[in-house]
Amino acid sequence: MLPSHPVTEQNTLAGRTIEQASFAIIDAEAGPHSYDPEEWAVVRRMIHASADFEMNGLTVFHPQAVTAGLAALRQGGQPLVADVGMILAGLASTRLQRFGVRPHQFIADTDVSDAAQTAGTTRAVQAMRKAQRLGLLDGAIIGIGNAPTALIELLRLIEEEGVRPALVIGMPVGFVAAAESKALLAAVSLVPWITVQGRKGGSTLVVAAIHALLALAESDGGAASGTQPTASPS
């Protein structure tokens, strides 16, 4: 039986009511902003996930970010590469299945750990290199919420090896190289990106941004061609 509501919304009426009430409070309390309606849908969901109104202003978009993200989702079957498993754990599988999104993360793989030990790098660096070897970065949505070194390595792959993700959601949190890696991302013109200025970030914000894009894609064109709606549990 198909759901009577979009797959990218909460499964129950009670859940949807609470979520919509939360969005209304955010809209009322957030104050002025310069985001367009689709960008605001992303920022609002990030505020909803974090209760941090500083996301209004700290969140920055490449001019083509939302357009590129929606195009990738509507194409269907695109990979989503995350720096850590926490991002994949936070994403609703029914929402990913709606668009045939193929999620991947490699930081826990034994060969990645071994390569990091041998090369004297982080596992996050080697995980991005593995994703590249497997041909998963081109055309992908990349979500980085934990490891600045993953973002820095991805930027190297973009500049030096011609990797072209569809969209980079780069929001690593922390005190060592986090703000700096995001500043580097914000200077990139070769690929679209969404980032958060400064030290704030995290996997929760990446998940929220992806869920917002999935909701926009469903409301603005439906599921990807060839994918089937998936029933949601009651």
Protein backbone atom coordinates (compact mmCIF):
# COMPACT_ATOMS: atom_id res chain seq x y z
CA MET A 1 0.00 0.00 0.00
CA LEU A 2 1.41 3.40 -0.98
CA PRO A 3 1.65 6.14 1.63
CA SER A 4 -0.95 8.90 1.53
CA HIS A 5 1.78 11.49 2.05
CA PRO A 6 5.18 12.13 0.45
CA VAL A 7 7.87 9.62 1.43
CA THR A 8 10.09 12.54 2.42
CA GLU A 9 7.70 13.58 5.19
CA GLN A 10 7.20 12.03 8.63
CA ASN A 11 5.34 8.72 8.53
CA THR A 12 2.57 9.59 10.98
CA LEU A 13 0.12 12.47 11.16
CA ALA A 14 1.37 13.29 14.67
CA GLY A 15 4.96 13.42 13.42
CA ARG A 16 4.07 15.60 10.46
CA THR A 17 2.09 17.95 12.68
CA ILE A 18 5.03 18.41 15.06
CA GLU A 19 7.48 18.90 12.20
CA GLN A 20 5.32 21.51 10.48
CA ALA A 21 4.79 23.33 13.79
CA SER A 22 8.56 23.36 14.28
CA PHE A 23 9.09 24.83 10.82
CA ALA A 24 6.51 27.52 11.55
CA ILE A 25 8.32 28.48 14.77
CA ILE A 26 11.63 28.62 12.92
CA ASP A 27 10.15 30.84 10.22
CA ALA A 28 8.75 33.16 12.88
CA GLU A 29 11.90 33.38 14.98
CA ALA A 30 14.72 33.17 12.43
CA GLY A 31 14.59 36.81 11.42
CA PRO A 32 15.56 38.20 8.02
CA HIS A 33 17.72 36.25 5.60
CA SER A 34 18.96 36.47 2.04
CA TYR A 35 18.33 32.85 0.99
CA ASP A 36 16.02 32.01 -1.88
CA PRO A 37 13.05 29.72 -1.03
CA GLU A 38 14.84 26.47 -1.90
CA GLU A 39 18.00 27.45 -0.02
CA TRP A 40 15.87 28.44 2.97
CA ALA A 41 14.22 25.01 2.92
CA VAL A 42 17.71 23.54 3.43
CA VAL A 43 18.75 26.03 6.10
CA ARG A 44 15.45 25.72 7.95
CA ARG A 45 15.81 21.95 8.17
CA MET A 46 19.37 22.39 9.45
CA ILE A 47 18.03 24.72 12.15
CA HIS A 48 15.32 22.17 12.91
CA ALA A 49 17.95 19.45 13.37
CA SER A 50 20.27 21.52 15.56
CA ALA A 51 18.08 24.19 17.22
CA ASP A 52 20.87 26.56 16.17
CA PHE A 53 19.60 29.75 14.58
CA GLU A 54 23.16 30.71 13.64
CA MET A 55 22.72 28.39 10.68
CA ASN A 56 20.82 31.39 9.30
CA GLY A 57 23.84 33.26 8.03
CA LEU A 58 26.58 30.68 8.57
CA THR A 59 25.22 28.42 5.82
CA VAL A 60 26.63 29.32 2.41
CA PHE A 61 25.61 28.03 -1.03
CA HIS A 62 27.38 27.87 -4.36
CA PRO A 63 24.99 29.57 -6.83
CA GLN A 64 24.18 26.23 -8.50
CA ALA A 65 24.15 24.09 -5.36
CA VAL A 66 20.45 23.36 -4.99
CA THR A 67 19.87 23.08 -8.73
CA ALA A 68 22.73 20.60 -9.06
CA GLY A 69 21.64 18.56 -6.07
CA LEU A 70 18.06 18.28 -7.31
CA ALA A 71 19.23 17.35 -10.82
CA ALA A 72 21.38 14.55 -9.42
CA LEU A 73 18.51 13.19 -7.35
CA ARG A 74 16.02 13.37 -10.20
CA GLN A 75 18.45 11.55 -12.47
CA GLY A 76 18.15 8.57 -10.17
CA GLY A 77 20.63 5.94 -9.05
CA GLN A 78 23.38 8.38 -8.11
CA PRO A 79 25.93 7.48 -5.42
CA LEU A 80 26.00 9.28 -2.12
CA VAL A 81 29.44 9.11 -0.51
CA ALA A 82 29.76 10.02 3.18
CA ASP A 83 32.89 10.49 5.25
CA VAL A 84 31.47 8.55 8.21
CA GLY A 85 28.81 5.95 8.87
CA MET A 86 26.93 8.34 11.14
CA ILE A 87 25.62 10.18 8.09
CA LEU A 88 24.30 7.02 6.48
CA ALA A 89 22.75 5.93 9.79
CA GLY A 90 20.87 9.23 10.00
CA LEU A 91 19.41 9.10 6.50
CA ALA A 92 15.95 7.59 6.05
CA SER A 93 16.27 4.56 3.78
CA THR A 94 12.79 5.04 2.30
CA ARG A 95 13.75 8.56 1.23
CA LEU A 96 16.94 7.36 -0.43
CA GLN A 97 15.13 4.47 -2.12
CA ARG A 98 12.58 6.89 -3.55
CA PHE A 99 15.34 8.26 -5.79
CA GLY A 100 17.48 5.16 -6.09
CA VAL A 101 20.32 6.81 -4.15
CA ARG A 102 23.23 4.42 -3.50
CA PRO A 103 24.88 5.24 -0.14
CA HIS A 104 28.55 4.48 0.56
CA GLN A 105 31.13 5.06 3.29
CA PHE A 106 34.52 3.43 3.63
CA ILE A 107 36.18 4.83 6.74
CA ALA A 108 35.65 1.61 8.73
CA ASP A 109 37.11 -0.66 6.04
CA THR A 110 40.21 -2.64 6.98
CA ASP A 111 42.06 -1.76 3.78
CA VAL A 112 41.40 1.93 4.41
CA SER A 113 42.82 1.68 7.93
CA ASP A 114 45.84 -0.25 6.68
CA ALA A 115 46.51 2.30 3.93
CA ALA A 116 46.27 5.15 6.43
CA GLN A 117 48.79 3.45 8.72
CA THR A 118 51.18 2.83 5.85
CA ALA A 119 50.91 6.31 4.32
CA GLY A 120 50.78 8.21 7.60
CA THR A 121 47.47 9.83 6.69
CA THR A 122 44.00 9.73 8.21
CA ARG A 123 41.45 7.05 7.41
CA ALA A 124 39.23 9.81 6.05
CA VAL A 125 41.81 10.64 3.37
CA GLN A 126 42.14 7.02 2.34
CA ALA A 127 38.36 6.55 2.32
CA MET A 128 38.02 9.36 -0.22
CA ARG A 129 40.79 7.81 -2.31
CA LYS A 130 39.03 4.45 -2.21
CA ALA A 131 35.77 6.05 -3.35
CA GLN A 132 37.68 7.58 -6.24
CA ARG A 133 39.28 4.25 -7.20
CA LEU A 134 35.82 2.68 -7.23
CA GLY A 135 34.52 5.40 -9.54
CA LEU A 136 31.98 6.68 -7.04
CA LEU A 137 32.82 10.39 -6.82
CA ASP A 138 31.96 11.65 -10.28
CA GLY A 139 28.31 12.67 -10.40
CA ALA A 140 27.85 11.85 -6.71
CA ILE A 141 26.49 13.79 -3.79
CA ILE A 142 29.30 13.93 -1.22
CA GLY A 143 28.47 14.47 2.44
CA ILE A 144 31.30 15.36 4.83
CA GLY A 145 30.32 16.20 8.39
CA ASN A 146 33.11 14.90 10.57
CA ALA A 147 36.55 14.86 8.94
CA PRO A 148 38.21 18.02 7.61
CA THR A 149 40.92 15.84 6.07
CA ALA A 150 38.28 14.10 3.95
CA LEU A 151 37.16 17.45 2.59
CA ILE A 152 40.72 18.62 1.95
CA GLU A 153 41.48 15.37 0.10
CA LEU A 154 38.29 15.68 -1.93
CA LEU A 155 39.29 19.21 -2.93
CA ARG A 156 42.68 17.87 -4.04
CA LEU A 157 40.97 15.21 -6.13
CA ILE A 158 38.77 17.87 -7.71
CA GLU A 159 41.68 20.17 -8.53
CA GLU A 160 44.40 17.67 -9.43
CA GLU A 161 42.55 14.61 -10.72
CA GLY A 162 39.49 16.18 -12.30
CA VAL A 163 36.90 14.58 -10.04
CA ARG A 164 33.49 16.18 -10.56
CA PRO A 165 30.88 15.43 -7.89
CA ALA A 166 27.36 16.67 -8.57
CA LEU A 167 27.30 18.38 -5.17
CA VAL A 168 29.60 18.60 -2.15
CA ILE A 169 27.90 19.12 1.22
CA GLY A 170 31.00 19.96 3.24
CA MET A 171 30.29 20.68 6.90
CA PRO A 172 33.05 19.12 9.04
CA VAL A 173 32.85 20.19 12.66
CA GLY A 174 35.74 20.85 14.99
CA PHE A 175 38.78 22.87 15.95
CA VAL A 176 41.63 21.58 13.76
CA ALA A 177 41.31 22.48 10.06
CA ALA A 178 37.51 22.41 10.12
CA ALA A 179 36.95 26.12 9.44
CA GLU A 180 39.93 26.21 7.10
CA SER A 181 38.74 23.25 5.00
CA LYS A 182 35.31 24.83 4.59
CA ALA A 183 36.86 28.14 3.57
CA LEU A 184 38.78 26.26 0.87
CA LEU A 185 35.54 24.64 -0.30
CA ALA A 186 33.79 28.01 -0.45
CA ALA A 187 36.47 29.25 -2.84
CA VAL A 188 35.86 26.42 -5.33
CA SER A 189 34.13 27.20 -8.61
CA LEU A 190 34.56 23.85 -10.35
CA VAL A 191 31.76 22.02 -8.51
CA PRO A 192 28.66 23.12 -6.56
CA TRP A 193 28.78 23.02 -2.78
CA ILE A 194 26.94 23.81 0.46
CA THR A 195 28.95 24.59 3.57
CA VAL A 196 28.84 26.19 7.02
CA GLN A 197 31.33 28.89 7.91
CA GLY A 198 33.52 28.51 10.97
CA ARG A 199 33.87 25.65 13.43
CA LYS A 200 30.23 24.54 13.51
CA GLY A 201 29.01 21.64 11.42
CA GLY A 202 28.58 17.93 11.89
CA SER A 203 26.93 14.85 10.47
CA THR A 204 23.51 15.90 11.77
CA LEU A 205 23.59 19.02 9.61
CA VAL A 206 24.68 17.05 6.54
CA VAL A 207 21.79 14.63 7.08
CA ALA A 208 19.38 17.54 7.44
CA ALA A 209 20.62 19.15 4.23
CA ILE A 210 20.26 15.90 2.31
CA HIS A 211 16.76 15.29 3.66
CA ALA A 212 15.81 18.83 2.64
CA LEU A 213 17.06 18.21 -0.90
CA LEU A 214 15.15 14.93 -1.06
CA ALA A 215 11.96 16.70 0.03
CA LEU A 216 12.50 19.45 -2.56
CA ALA A 217 13.14 16.87 -5.26
CA GLU A 218 9.92 15.04 -4.43
CA SER A 219 7.85 18.21 -4.35
CA ASP A 220 9.50 19.57 -7.51
CA GLY A 221 9.29 16.74 -9.99
CA GLY A 222 8.63 13.58 -8.01
CA ALA A 223 10.72 10.46 -7.79
CA ALA A 224 13.46 9.69 -10.27
CA SER A 225 12.53 7.99 -13.49
CA GLY A 226 12.38 4.25 -13.13
CA THR A 227 12.15 4.21 -9.34
CA GLN A 228 9.09 2.97 -7.50
CA PRO A 229 7.47 4.66 -4.50
CA THR A 230 8.15 2.74 -1.33
CA ALA A 231 5.50 2.20 1.29
CA SER A 232 6.29 3.77 4.64
CA PRO A 233 5.58 2.00 7.90
CA SER A 234 2.64 3.38 9.83
